[in-house]
Amino acid sequence: MKTVIVLNNDHMGHGDATLGRKILATFLRKCAALKGLTAVVFYNSGVKLIVRGSPVLAELHQLHDGGVDLKPCGTCLEYYGLREQVDLVPPSNMDEIIQEIDRAQKVVTL
């Protein structure tokens, strides 16, 4: 089943941000085992996860190397002044993000 994960925050959950970053790293590490994961899209403060210095950059590299598309919102990167700090993949746009979601059979938002 084609699955897309949407990351719209730089941590997981609504509680403590430090804990949320820790469990997000674990979640992303375990995502490599998900059958059918085709893409991870990033928008709003979720784009902070895909820039140099991100605490989950190694996990994202692992997913990308495993064939998972990573789509960070270019407008969001601009807003946070992070566009030049993305090395792993080029900035994306809302059209590409919508295409990923449209192709998916399942969308999981964290």
PDB file of N, CA and C in Angstrom:
ATOM      1  N   MET A   1       0.849  -1.178   0.000  1.00  0.00           N
ATOM      2  CA  MET A   1       0.000   0.000   0.000  1.00  0.00           C
ATOM      3  C   MET A   1       0.898   1.246   0.000  1.00  0.00           C
ATOM      4  N   LYS A   2       0.730   2.101  -0.981  1.00  0.00           N
ATOM      5  CA  LYS A   2       1.526   3.322  -1.068  1.00  0.00           C
ATOM      6  C   LYS A   2       1.149   4.250   0.082  1.00  0.00           C
ATOM      7  N   THR A   3       2.154   4.564   0.901  1.00  0.00           N
ATOM      8  CA  THR A   3       1.930   5.363   2.102  1.00  0.00           C
ATOM      9  C   THR A   3       2.805   6.608   2.077  1.00  0.00           C
ATOM     10  N   VAL A   4       2.218   7.731   2.473  1.00  0.00           N
ATOM     11  CA  VAL A   4       2.939   8.994   2.623  1.00  0.00           C
ATOM     12  C   VAL A   4       2.808   9.439   4.073  1.00  0.00           C
ATOM     13  N   ILE A   5       3.920   9.854   4.645  1.00  0.00           N
ATOM     14  CA  ILE A   5       3.915  10.421   5.993  1.00  0.00           C
ATOM     15  C   ILE A   5       4.055  11.926   5.862  1.00  0.00           C
ATOM     16  N   VAL A   6       3.216  12.655   6.590  1.00  0.00           N
ATOM     17  CA  VAL A   6       3.242  14.116   6.600  1.00  0.00           C
ATOM     18  C   VAL A   6       3.804  14.568   7.941  1.00  0.00           C
ATOM     19  N   LEU A   7       4.884  15.336   7.885  1.00  0.00           N
ATOM     20  CA  LEU A   7       5.479  15.911   9.093  1.00  0.00           C
ATOM     21  C   LEU A   7       5.283  17.422   9.039  1.00  0.00           C
ATOM     22  N   ASN A   8       4.413  17.918   9.890  1.00  0.00           N
ATOM     23  CA  ASN A   8       4.107  19.350   9.881  1.00  0.00           C
ATOM     24  C   ASN A   8       4.616  20.053  11.136  1.00  0.00           C
ATOM     25  N   ASN A   9       5.488  19.378  11.861  1.00  0.00           N
ATOM     26  CA  ASN A   9       6.063  19.934  13.073  1.00  0.00           C
ATOM     27  C   ASN A   9       7.468  19.369  13.217  1.00  0.00           C
ATOM     28  N   ASP A  10       8.294  20.017  14.020  1.00  0.00           N
ATOM     29  CA  ASP A  10       9.666  19.535  14.191  1.00  0.00           C
ATOM     30  C   ASP A  10       9.803  18.563  15.361  1.00  0.00           C
ATOM     31  N   HIS A  11       8.677  18.113  15.889  1.00  0.00           N
ATOM     32  CA  HIS A  11       8.675  17.065  16.911  1.00  0.00           C
ATOM     33  C   HIS A  11       7.366  16.288  16.801  1.00  0.00           C
ATOM     34  N   MET A  12       7.280  15.189  17.508  1.00  0.00           N
ATOM     35  CA  MET A  12       6.119  14.313  17.418  1.00  0.00           C
ATOM     36  C   MET A  12       5.236  14.517  18.642  1.00  0.00           C
ATOM     37  N   GLY A  13       3.954  14.691  18.412  1.00  0.00           N
ATOM     38  CA  GLY A  13       3.013  14.833  19.511  1.00  0.00           C
ATOM     39  C   GLY A  13       2.842  16.276  19.963  1.00  0.00           C
ATOM     40  N   HIS A  14       2.003  16.437  20.986  1.00  0.00           N
ATOM     41  CA  HIS A  14       1.659  17.774  21.459  1.00  0.00           C
ATOM     42  C   HIS A  14       2.175  18.062  22.860  1.00  0.00           C
ATOM     43  N   GLY A  15       2.968  17.179  23.411  1.00  0.00           N
ATOM     44  CA  GLY A  15       3.506  17.375  24.749  1.00  0.00           C
ATOM     45  C   GLY A  15       4.861  18.055  24.697  1.00  0.00           C
ATOM     46  N   ASP A  16       5.760  17.582  25.509  1.00  0.00           N
ATOM     47  CA  ASP A  16       7.102  18.137  25.628  1.00  0.00           C
ATOM     48  C   ASP A  16       7.862  18.018  24.298  1.00  0.00           C
ATOM     49  N   ALA A  17       8.427  19.121  23.823  1.00  0.00           N
ATOM     50  CA  ALA A  17       9.110  19.143  22.527  1.00  0.00           C
ATOM     51  C   ALA A  17      10.380  18.296  22.539  1.00  0.00           C
ATOM     52  N   THR A  18      11.112  18.289  23.638  1.00  0.00           N
ATOM     53  CA  THR A  18      12.334  17.494  23.712  1.00  0.00           C
ATOM     54  C   THR A  18      12.006  16.009  23.594  1.00  0.00           C
ATOM     55  N   LEU A  19      11.002  15.570  24.330  1.00  0.00           N
ATOM     56  CA  LEU A  19      10.552  14.184  24.223  1.00  0.00           C
ATOM     57  C   LEU A  19      10.044  13.907  22.815  1.00  0.00           C
ATOM     58  N   GLY A  20       9.310  14.856  22.245  1.00  0.00           N
ATOM     59  CA  GLY A  20       8.768  14.689  20.895  1.00  0.00           C
ATOM     60  C   GLY A  20       9.842  14.507  19.842  1.00  0.00           C
ATOM     61  N   ARG A  21      10.978  15.197  19.995  1.00  0.00           N
ATOM     62  CA  ARG A  21      12.090  15.032  19.051  1.00  0.00           C
ATOM     63  C   ARG A  21      12.718  13.646  19.197  1.00  0.00           C
ATOM     64  N   LYS A  22      12.831  13.195  20.437  1.00  0.00           N
ATOM     65  CA  LYS A  22      13.425  11.880  20.698  1.00  0.00           C
ATOM     66  C   LYS A  22      12.571  10.765  20.094  1.00  0.00           C
ATOM     67  N   ILE A  23      11.272  10.811  20.330  1.00  0.00           N
ATOM     68  CA  ILE A  23      10.430   9.734  19.806  1.00  0.00           C
ATOM     69  C   ILE A  23      10.262   9.832  18.290  1.00  0.00           C
ATOM     70  N   LEU A  24      10.364  11.041  17.745  1.00  0.00           N
ATOM     71  CA  LEU A  24      10.307  11.179  16.288  1.00  0.00           C
ATOM     72  C   LEU A  24      11.524  10.508  15.646  1.00  0.00           C
ATOM     73  N   ALA A  25      12.696  10.681  16.246  1.00  0.00           N
ATOM     74  CA  ALA A  25      13.897  10.028  15.718  1.00  0.00           C
ATOM     75  C   ALA A  25      13.721   8.511  15.719  1.00  0.00           C
ATOM     76  N   THR A  26      13.180   7.980  16.804  1.00  0.00           N
ATOM     77  CA  THR A  26      12.937   6.537  16.875  1.00  0.00           C
ATOM     78  C   THR A  26      11.921   6.117  15.820  1.00  0.00           C
ATOM     79  N   PHE A  27      10.852   6.884  15.697  1.00  0.00           N
ATOM     80  CA  PHE A  27       9.817   6.577  14.699  1.00  0.00           C
ATOM     81  C   PHE A  27      10.414   6.537  13.300  1.00  0.00           C
ATOM     82  N   LEU A  28      11.199   7.546  12.936  1.00  0.00           N
ATOM     83  CA  LEU A  28      11.777   7.607  11.598  1.00  0.00           C
ATOM     84  C   LEU A  28      12.755   6.455  11.359  1.00  0.00           C
ATOM     85  N   ARG A  29      13.515   6.082  12.381  1.00  0.00           N
ATOM     86  CA  ARG A  29      14.422   4.949  12.261  1.00  0.00           C
ATOM     87  C   ARG A  29      13.636   3.665  11.957  1.00  0.00           C
ATOM     88  N   LYS A  30      12.507   3.502  12.615  1.00  0.00           N
ATOM     89  CA  LYS A  30      11.684   2.300  12.445  1.00  0.00           C
ATOM     90  C   LYS A  30      10.895   2.329  11.134  1.00  0.00           C
ATOM     91  N   CYS A  31      10.719   3.501  10.538  1.00  0.00           N
ATOM     92  CA  CYS A  31       9.953   3.623   9.291  1.00  0.00           C
ATOM     93  C   CYS A  31      10.572   2.847   8.141  1.00  0.00           C
ATOM     94  N   ALA A  32      11.854   2.592   8.209  1.00  0.00           N
ATOM     95  CA  ALA A  32      12.509   1.827   7.146  1.00  0.00           C
ATOM     96  C   ALA A  32      11.857   0.457   6.987  1.00  0.00           C
ATOM     97  N   ALA A  33      11.214  -0.029   8.032  1.00  0.00           N
ATOM     98  CA  ALA A  33      10.560  -1.338   7.988  1.00  0.00           C
ATOM     99  C   ALA A  33       9.139  -1.270   7.426  1.00  0.00           C
ATOM    100  N   LEU A  34       8.615  -0.075   7.231  1.00  0.00           N
ATOM    101  CA  LEU A  34       7.255   0.061   6.704  1.00  0.00           C
ATOM    102  C   LEU A  34       7.209  -0.354   5.239  1.00  0.00           C
ATOM    103  N   LYS A  35       6.384  -1.293   4.949  1.00  0.00           N
ATOM    104  CA  LYS A  35       6.205  -1.712   3.559  1.00  0.00           C
ATOM    105  C   LYS A  35       5.315  -0.686   2.858  1.00  0.00           C
ATOM    106  N   GLY A  36       5.757  -0.225   1.716  1.00  0.00           N
ATOM    107  CA  GLY A  36       4.937   0.690   0.938  1.00  0.00           C
ATOM    108  C   GLY A  36       5.149   2.165   1.220  1.00  0.00           C
ATOM    109  N   LEU A  37       6.068   2.503   2.116  1.00  0.00           N
ATOM    110  CA  LEU A  37       6.329   3.926   2.368  1.00  0.00           C
ATOM    111  C   LEU A  37       6.988   4.515   1.130  1.00  0.00           C
ATOM    112  N   THR A  38       6.310   5.468   0.507  1.00  0.00           N
ATOM    113  CA  THR A  38       6.816   6.043  -0.739  1.00  0.00           C
ATOM    114  C   THR A  38       7.371   7.450  -0.565  1.00  0.00           C
ATOM    115  N   ALA A  39       6.857   8.199   0.420  1.00  0.00           N
ATOM    116  CA  ALA A  39       7.299   9.586   0.561  1.00  0.00           C
ATOM    117  C   ALA A  39       7.060  10.102   1.971  1.00  0.00           C
ATOM    118  N   VAL A  40       7.870  11.085   2.326  1.00  0.00           N
ATOM    119  CA  VAL A  40       7.652  11.884   3.531  1.00  0.00           C
ATOM    120  C   VAL A  40       7.614  13.327   3.065  1.00  0.00           C
ATOM    121  N   VAL A  41       6.533  14.021   3.401  1.00  0.00           N
ATOM    122  CA  VAL A  41       6.434  15.432   3.033  1.00  0.00           C
ATOM    123  C   VAL A  41       6.561  16.276   4.299  1.00  0.00           C
ATOM    124  N   PHE A  42       7.165  17.431   4.134  1.00  0.00           N
ATOM    125  CA  PHE A  42       7.447  18.321   5.251  1.00  0.00           C
ATOM    126  C   PHE A  42       6.862  19.690   4.952  1.00  0.00           C
ATOM    127  N   TYR A  43       6.099  20.217   5.885  1.00  0.00           N
ATOM    128  CA  TYR A  43       5.651  21.598   5.745  1.00  0.00           C
ATOM    129  C   TYR A  43       5.568  22.238   7.115  1.00  0.00           C
ATOM    130  N   ASN A  44       5.336  23.546   7.130  1.00  0.00           N
ATOM    131  CA  ASN A  44       5.394  24.356   8.335  1.00  0.00           C
ATOM    132  C   ASN A  44       6.713  24.062   9.052  1.00  0.00           C
ATOM    133  N   SER A  45       6.718  23.967  10.389  1.00  0.00           N
ATOM    134  CA  SER A  45       7.999  23.780  11.079  1.00  0.00           C
ATOM    135  C   SER A  45       8.582  22.386  10.876  1.00  0.00           C
ATOM    136  N   GLY A  46       7.856  21.503  10.209  1.00  0.00           N
ATOM    137  CA  GLY A  46       8.410  20.195   9.865  1.00  0.00           C
ATOM    138  C   GLY A  46       9.625  20.300   8.960  1.00  0.00           C
ATOM    139  N   VAL A  47       9.749  21.385   8.207  1.00  0.00           N
ATOM    140  CA  VAL A  47      10.909  21.544   7.318  1.00  0.00           C
ATOM    141  C   VAL A  47      12.208  21.688   8.108  1.00  0.00           C
ATOM    142  N   LYS A  48      12.117  22.037   9.379  1.00  0.00           N
ATOM    143  CA  LYS A  48      13.322  22.150  10.216  1.00  0.00           C
ATOM    144  C   LYS A  48      14.006  20.800  10.387  1.00  0.00           C
ATOM    145  N   LEU A  49      13.296  19.732  10.091  1.00  0.00           N
ATOM    146  CA  LEU A  49      13.840  18.387  10.249  1.00  0.00           C
ATOM    147  C   LEU A  49      14.798  17.991   9.133  1.00  0.00           C
ATOM    148  N   ILE A  50      14.739  18.674   8.004  1.00  0.00           N
ATOM    149  CA  ILE A  50      15.483  18.220   6.827  1.00  0.00           C
ATOM    150  C   ILE A  50      16.658  19.135   6.473  1.00  0.00           C
ATOM    151  N   VAL A  51      17.063  19.966   7.414  1.00  0.00           N
ATOM    152  CA  VAL A  51      18.175  20.890   7.173  1.00  0.00           C
ATOM    153  C   VAL A  51      19.415  20.458   7.962  1.00  0.00           C
ATOM    154  N   ARG A  52      20.569  21.019   7.566  1.00  0.00           N
ATOM    155  CA  ARG A  52      21.814  20.735   8.282  1.00  0.00           C
ATOM    156  C   ARG A  52      21.619  20.973   9.778  1.00  0.00           C
ATOM    157  N   GLY A  53      22.138  20.052  10.575  1.00  0.00           N
ATOM    158  CA  GLY A  53      22.045  20.168  12.023  1.00  0.00           C
ATOM    159  C   GLY A  53      20.795  19.537  12.618  1.00  0.00           C
ATOM    160  N   SER A  54      19.905  19.031  11.790  1.00  0.00           N
ATOM    161  CA  SER A  54      18.688  18.402  12.281  1.00  0.00           C
ATOM    162  C   SER A  54      19.037  17.148  13.082  1.00  0.00           C
ATOM    163  N   PRO A  55      18.349  16.933  14.213  1.00  0.00           N
ATOM    164  CA  PRO A  55      18.630  15.729  15.008  1.00  0.00           C
ATOM    165  C   PRO A  55      18.149  14.434  14.357  1.00  0.00           C
ATOM    166  N   VAL A  56      17.393  14.531  13.269  1.00  0.00           N
ATOM    167  CA  VAL A  56      16.905  13.322  12.589  1.00  0.00           C
ATOM    168  C   VAL A  56      17.424  13.210  11.163  1.00  0.00           C
ATOM    169  N   LEU A  57      18.446  13.960  10.839  1.00  0.00           N
ATOM    170  CA  LEU A  57      18.963  13.942   9.464  1.00  0.00           C
ATOM    171  C   LEU A  57      19.503  12.563   9.076  1.00  0.00           C
ATOM    172  N   ALA A  58      20.144  11.868   9.984  1.00  0.00           N
ATOM    173  CA  ALA A  58      20.663  10.523   9.680  1.00  0.00           C
ATOM    174  C   ALA A  58      19.514   9.573   9.330  1.00  0.00           C
ATOM    175  N   GLU A  59      18.420   9.674  10.068  1.00  0.00           N
ATOM    176  CA  GLU A  59      17.261   8.820   9.805  1.00  0.00           C
ATOM    177  C   GLU A  59      16.649   9.146   8.443  1.00  0.00           C
ATOM    178  N   LEU A  60      16.609  10.430   8.105  1.00  0.00           N
ATOM    179  CA  LEU A  60      16.067  10.829   6.808  1.00  0.00           C
ATOM    180  C   LEU A  60      16.973  10.375   5.669  1.00  0.00           C
ATOM    181  N   HIS A  61      18.279  10.432   5.887  1.00  0.00           N
ATOM    182  CA  HIS A  61      19.218   9.905   4.883  1.00  0.00           C
ATOM    183  C   HIS A  61      18.942   8.424   4.648  1.00  0.00           C
ATOM    184  N   GLN A  62      18.718   7.684   5.729  1.00  0.00           N
ATOM    185  CA  GLN A  62      18.448   6.252   5.624  1.00  0.00           C
ATOM    186  C   GLN A  62      17.186   5.999   4.792  1.00  0.00           C
ATOM    187  N   LEU A  63      16.137   6.755   5.065  1.00  0.00           N
ATOM    188  CA  LEU A  63      14.903   6.596   4.297  1.00  0.00           C
ATOM    189  C   LEU A  63      15.130   6.945   2.828  1.00  0.00           C
ATOM    190  N   HIS A  64      15.790   8.072   2.593  1.00  0.00           N
ATOM    191  CA  HIS A  64      16.051   8.518   1.223  1.00  0.00           C
ATOM    192  C   HIS A  64      16.885   7.477   0.465  1.00  0.00           C
ATOM    193  N   ASP A  65      17.915   6.960   1.120  1.00  0.00           N
ATOM    194  CA  ASP A  65      18.761   5.938   0.496  1.00  0.00           C
ATOM    195  C   ASP A  65      17.978   4.666   0.208  1.00  0.00           C
ATOM    196  N   GLY A  66      16.908   4.439   0.971  1.00  0.00           N
ATOM    197  CA  GLY A  66      16.046   3.285   0.754  1.00  0.00           C
ATOM    198  C   GLY A  66      14.963   3.507  -0.284  1.00  0.00           C
ATOM    199  N   GLY A  67      14.979   4.666  -0.946  1.00  0.00           N
ATOM    200  CA  GLY A  67      14.039   4.930  -2.032  1.00  0.00           C
ATOM    201  C   GLY A  67      12.817   5.743  -1.660  1.00  0.00           C
ATOM    202  N   VAL A  68      12.763   6.275  -0.451  1.00  0.00           N
ATOM    203  CA  VAL A  68      11.625   7.094  -0.027  1.00  0.00           C
ATOM    204  C   VAL A  68      11.862   8.537  -0.497  1.00  0.00           C
ATOM    205  N   ASP A  69      10.879   9.102  -1.189  1.00  0.00           N
ATOM    206  CA  ASP A  69      10.966  10.500  -1.618  1.00  0.00           C
ATOM    207  C   ASP A  69      10.775  11.419  -0.421  1.00  0.00           C
ATOM    208  N   LEU A  70      11.597  12.455  -0.326  1.00  0.00           N
ATOM    209  CA  LEU A  70      11.480  13.465   0.720  1.00  0.00           C
ATOM    210  C   LEU A  70      11.131  14.779   0.051  1.00  0.00           C
ATOM    211  N   LYS A  71      10.021  15.387   0.479  1.00  0.00           N
ATOM    212  CA  LYS A  71       9.511  16.588  -0.179  1.00  0.00           C
ATOM    213  C   LYS A  71       9.321  17.721   0.829  1.00  0.00           C
ATOM    214  N   PRO A  72      10.352  18.564   1.021  1.00  0.00           N
ATOM    215  CA  PRO A  72      10.197  19.716   1.910  1.00  0.00           C
ATOM    216  C   PRO A  72       9.589  20.911   1.169  1.00  0.00           C
ATOM    217  N   CYS A  73       8.611  21.539   1.783  1.00  0.00           N
ATOM    218  CA  CYS A  73       7.931  22.700   1.207  1.00  0.00           C
ATOM    219  C   CYS A  73       8.911  23.874   1.066  1.00  0.00           C
ATOM    220  N   GLY A  74       9.109  24.310  -0.171  1.00  0.00           N
ATOM    221  CA  GLY A  74      10.016  25.427  -0.428  1.00  0.00           C
ATOM    222  C   GLY A  74       9.556  26.731   0.201  1.00  0.00           C
ATOM    223  N   THR A  75       8.264  26.998   0.176  1.00  0.00           N
ATOM    224  CA  THR A  75       7.725  28.222   0.791  1.00  0.00           C
ATOM    225  C   THR A  75       8.001  28.224   2.289  1.00  0.00           C
ATOM    226  N   CYS A  76       7.851  27.073   2.926  1.00  0.00           N
ATOM    227  CA  CYS A  76       8.090  26.968   4.374  1.00  0.00           C
ATOM    228  C   CYS A  76       9.576  27.146   4.684  1.00  0.00           C
ATOM    229  N   LEU A  77      10.433  26.562   3.845  1.00  0.00           N
ATOM    230  CA  LEU A  77      11.874  26.750   4.026  1.00  0.00           C
ATOM    231  C   LEU A  77      12.233  28.226   3.920  1.00  0.00           C
ATOM    232  N   GLU A  78      11.657  28.909   2.948  1.00  0.00           N
ATOM    233  CA  GLU A  78      11.881  30.352   2.792  1.00  0.00           C
ATOM    234  C   GLU A  78      11.422  31.111   4.042  1.00  0.00           C
ATOM    235  N   TYR A  79      10.237  30.788   4.514  1.00  0.00           N
ATOM    236  CA  TYR A  79       9.667  31.465   5.676  1.00  0.00           C
ATOM    237  C   TYR A  79      10.602  31.375   6.886  1.00  0.00           C
ATOM    238  N   TYR A  80      11.161  30.202   7.107  1.00  0.00           N
ATOM    239  CA  TYR A  80      12.053  30.004   8.258  1.00  0.00           C
ATOM    240  C   TYR A  80      13.508  30.366   7.947  1.00  0.00           C
ATOM    241  N   GLY A  81      13.783  30.826   6.725  1.00  0.00           N
ATOM    242  CA  GLY A  81      15.148  31.195   6.352  1.00  0.00           C
ATOM    243  C   GLY A  81      16.080  29.996   6.262  1.00  0.00           C
ATOM    244  N   LEU A  82      15.548  28.847   5.845  1.00  0.00           N
ATOM    245  CA  LEU A  82      16.310  27.602   5.846  1.00  0.00           C
ATOM    246  C   LEU A  82      16.591  27.035   4.456  1.00  0.00           C
ATOM    247  N   ARG A  83      16.160  27.707   3.431  1.00  0.00           N
ATOM    248  CA  ARG A  83      16.265  27.162   2.070  1.00  0.00           C
ATOM    249  C   ARG A  83      17.695  26.755   1.716  1.00  0.00           C
ATOM    250  N   GLU A  84      18.666  27.530   2.118  1.00  0.00           N
ATOM    251  CA  GLU A  84      20.065  27.253   1.776  1.00  0.00           C
ATOM    252  C   GLU A  84      20.674  26.161   2.647  1.00  0.00           C
ATOM    253  N   GLN A  85      19.956  25.700   3.654  1.00  0.00           N
ATOM    254  CA  GLN A  85      20.494  24.686   4.563  1.00  0.00           C
ATOM    255  C   GLN A  85      20.027  23.275   4.235  1.00  0.00           C
ATOM    256  N   VAL A  86      19.322  23.118   3.123  1.00  0.00           N
ATOM    257  CA  VAL A  86      18.851  21.797   2.699  1.00  0.00           C
ATOM    258  C   VAL A  86      19.882  21.215   1.742  1.00  0.00           C
ATOM    259  N   ASP A  87      20.467  20.069   2.112  1.00  0.00           N
ATOM    260  CA  ASP A  87      21.466  19.421   1.266  1.00  0.00           C
ATOM    261  C   ASP A  87      21.000  18.083   0.711  1.00  0.00           C
ATOM    262  N   LEU A  88      20.127  17.435   1.426  1.00  0.00           N
ATOM    263  CA  LEU A  88      19.743  16.067   1.086  1.00  0.00           C
ATOM    264  C   LEU A  88      18.916  15.978  -0.196  1.00  0.00           C
ATOM    265  N   VAL A  89      17.930  16.837  -0.327  1.00  0.00           N
ATOM    266  CA  VAL A  89      17.043  16.858  -1.489  1.00  0.00           C
ATOM    267  C   VAL A  89      16.746  18.311  -1.841  1.00  0.00           C
ATOM    268  N   PRO A  90      16.349  18.576  -3.074  1.00  0.00           N
ATOM    269  CA  PRO A  90      15.993  19.964  -3.403  1.00  0.00           C
ATOM    270  C   PRO A  90      14.657  20.347  -2.763  1.00  0.00           C
ATOM    271  N   PRO A  91      14.474  21.634  -2.491  1.00  0.00           N
ATOM    272  CA  PRO A  91      13.169  22.076  -1.999  1.00  0.00           C
ATOM    273  C   PRO A  91      12.071  21.697  -2.986  1.00  0.00           C
ATOM    274  N   SER A  92      10.918  21.397  -2.451  1.00  0.00           N
ATOM    275  CA  SER A  92       9.776  20.991  -3.257  1.00  0.00           C
ATOM    276  C   SER A  92       8.776  22.144  -3.315  1.00  0.00           C
ATOM    277  N   ASN A  93       7.582  21.841  -3.777  1.00  0.00           N
ATOM    278  CA  ASN A  93       6.530  22.847  -3.814  1.00  0.00           C
ATOM    279  C   ASN A  93       5.200  22.160  -3.527  1.00  0.00           C
ATOM    280  N   MET A  94       4.167  22.939  -3.350  1.00  0.00           N
ATOM    281  CA  MET A  94       2.879  22.369  -2.973  1.00  0.00           C
ATOM    282  C   MET A  94       2.309  21.471  -4.069  1.00  0.00           C
ATOM    283  N   ASP A  95       2.603  21.759  -5.322  1.00  0.00           N
ATOM    284  CA  ASP A  95       2.124  20.887  -6.400  1.00  0.00           C
ATOM    285  C   ASP A  95       2.700  19.476  -6.260  1.00  0.00           C
ATOM    286  N   GLU A  96       3.997  19.382  -5.985  1.00  0.00           N
ATOM    287  CA  GLU A  96       4.630  18.073  -5.815  1.00  0.00           C
ATOM    288  C   GLU A  96       4.127  17.372  -4.555  1.00  0.00           C
ATOM    289  N   ILE A  97       3.907  18.131  -3.501  1.00  0.00           N
ATOM    290  CA  ILE A  97       3.383  17.555  -2.260  1.00  0.00           C
ATOM    291  C   ILE A  97       1.982  16.999  -2.492  1.00  0.00           C
ATOM    292  N   ILE A  98       1.150  17.750  -3.193  1.00  0.00           N
ATOM    293  CA  ILE A  98      -0.212  17.296  -3.516  1.00  0.00           C
ATOM    294  C   ILE A  98      -0.154  16.034  -4.375  1.00  0.00           C
ATOM    295  N   GLN A  99       0.764  15.981  -5.337  1.00  0.00           N
ATOM    296  CA  GLN A  99       0.904  14.789  -6.180  1.00  0.00           C
ATOM    297  C   GLN A  99       1.257  13.559  -5.347  1.00  0.00           C
ATOM    298  N   GLU A 100       2.164  13.721  -4.390  1.00  0.00           N
ATOM    299  CA  GLU A 100       2.535  12.592  -3.523  1.00  0.00           C
ATOM    300  C   GLU A 100       1.327  12.100  -2.730  1.00  0.00           C
ATOM    301  N   ILE A 101       0.573  13.037  -2.188  1.00  0.00           N
ATOM    302  CA  ILE A 101      -0.609  12.668  -1.399  1.00  0.00           C
ATOM    303  C   ILE A 101      -1.670  12.030  -2.292  1.00  0.00           C
ATOM    304  N   ASP A 102      -1.828  12.554  -3.501  1.00  0.00           N
ATOM    305  CA  ASP A 102      -2.820  12.019  -4.419  1.00  0.00           C
ATOM    306  C   ASP A 102      -2.517  10.577  -4.840  1.00  0.00           C
ATOM    307  N   ARG A 103      -1.230  10.272  -5.021  1.00  0.00           N
ATOM    308  CA  ARG A 103      -0.815   8.921  -5.415  1.00  0.00           C
ATOM    309  C   ARG A 103      -0.925   7.924  -4.263  1.00  0.00           C
ATOM    310  N   ALA A 104      -0.937   8.424  -3.042  1.00  0.00           N
ATOM    311  CA  ALA A 104      -0.925   7.545  -1.864  1.00  0.00           C
ATOM    312  C   ALA A 104      -2.260   6.858  -1.668  1.00  0.00           C
ATOM    313  N   GLN A 105      -2.190   5.663  -1.138  1.00  0.00           N
ATOM    314  CA  GLN A 105      -3.386   4.957  -0.712  1.00  0.00           C
ATOM    315  C   GLN A 105      -3.667   5.233   0.772  1.00  0.00           C
ATOM    316  N   LYS A 106      -2.600   5.648   1.467  1.00  0.00           N
ATOM    317  CA  LYS A 106      -2.733   5.968   2.884  1.00  0.00           C
ATOM    318  C   LYS A 106      -1.819   7.146   3.197  1.00  0.00           C
ATOM    319  N   VAL A 107      -2.345   8.123   3.947  1.00  0.00           N
ATOM    320  CA  VAL A 107      -1.578   9.289   4.379  1.00  0.00           C
ATOM    321  C   VAL A 107      -1.616   9.327   5.904  1.00  0.00           C
ATOM    322  N   VAL A 108      -0.437   9.383   6.511  1.00  0.00           N
ATOM    323  CA  VAL A 108      -0.314   9.431   7.962  1.00  0.00           C
ATOM    324  C   VAL A 108       0.270  10.785   8.338  1.00  0.00           C
ATOM    325  N   THR A 109      -0.449  11.543   9.135  1.00  0.00           N
ATOM    326  CA  THR A 109       0.033  12.852   9.592  1.00  0.00           C
ATOM    327  C   THR A 109       0.450  12.746  11.046  1.00  0.00           C
ATOM    328  N   LEU A 110       1.681  13.174  11.320  1.00  0.00           N
ATOM    329  CA  LEU A 110       2.180  13.149  12.698  1.00  0.00           C
ATOM    330  C   LEU A 110       2.168  14.550  13.270  1.00  0.00           C
TER     331      LEU A 110
END
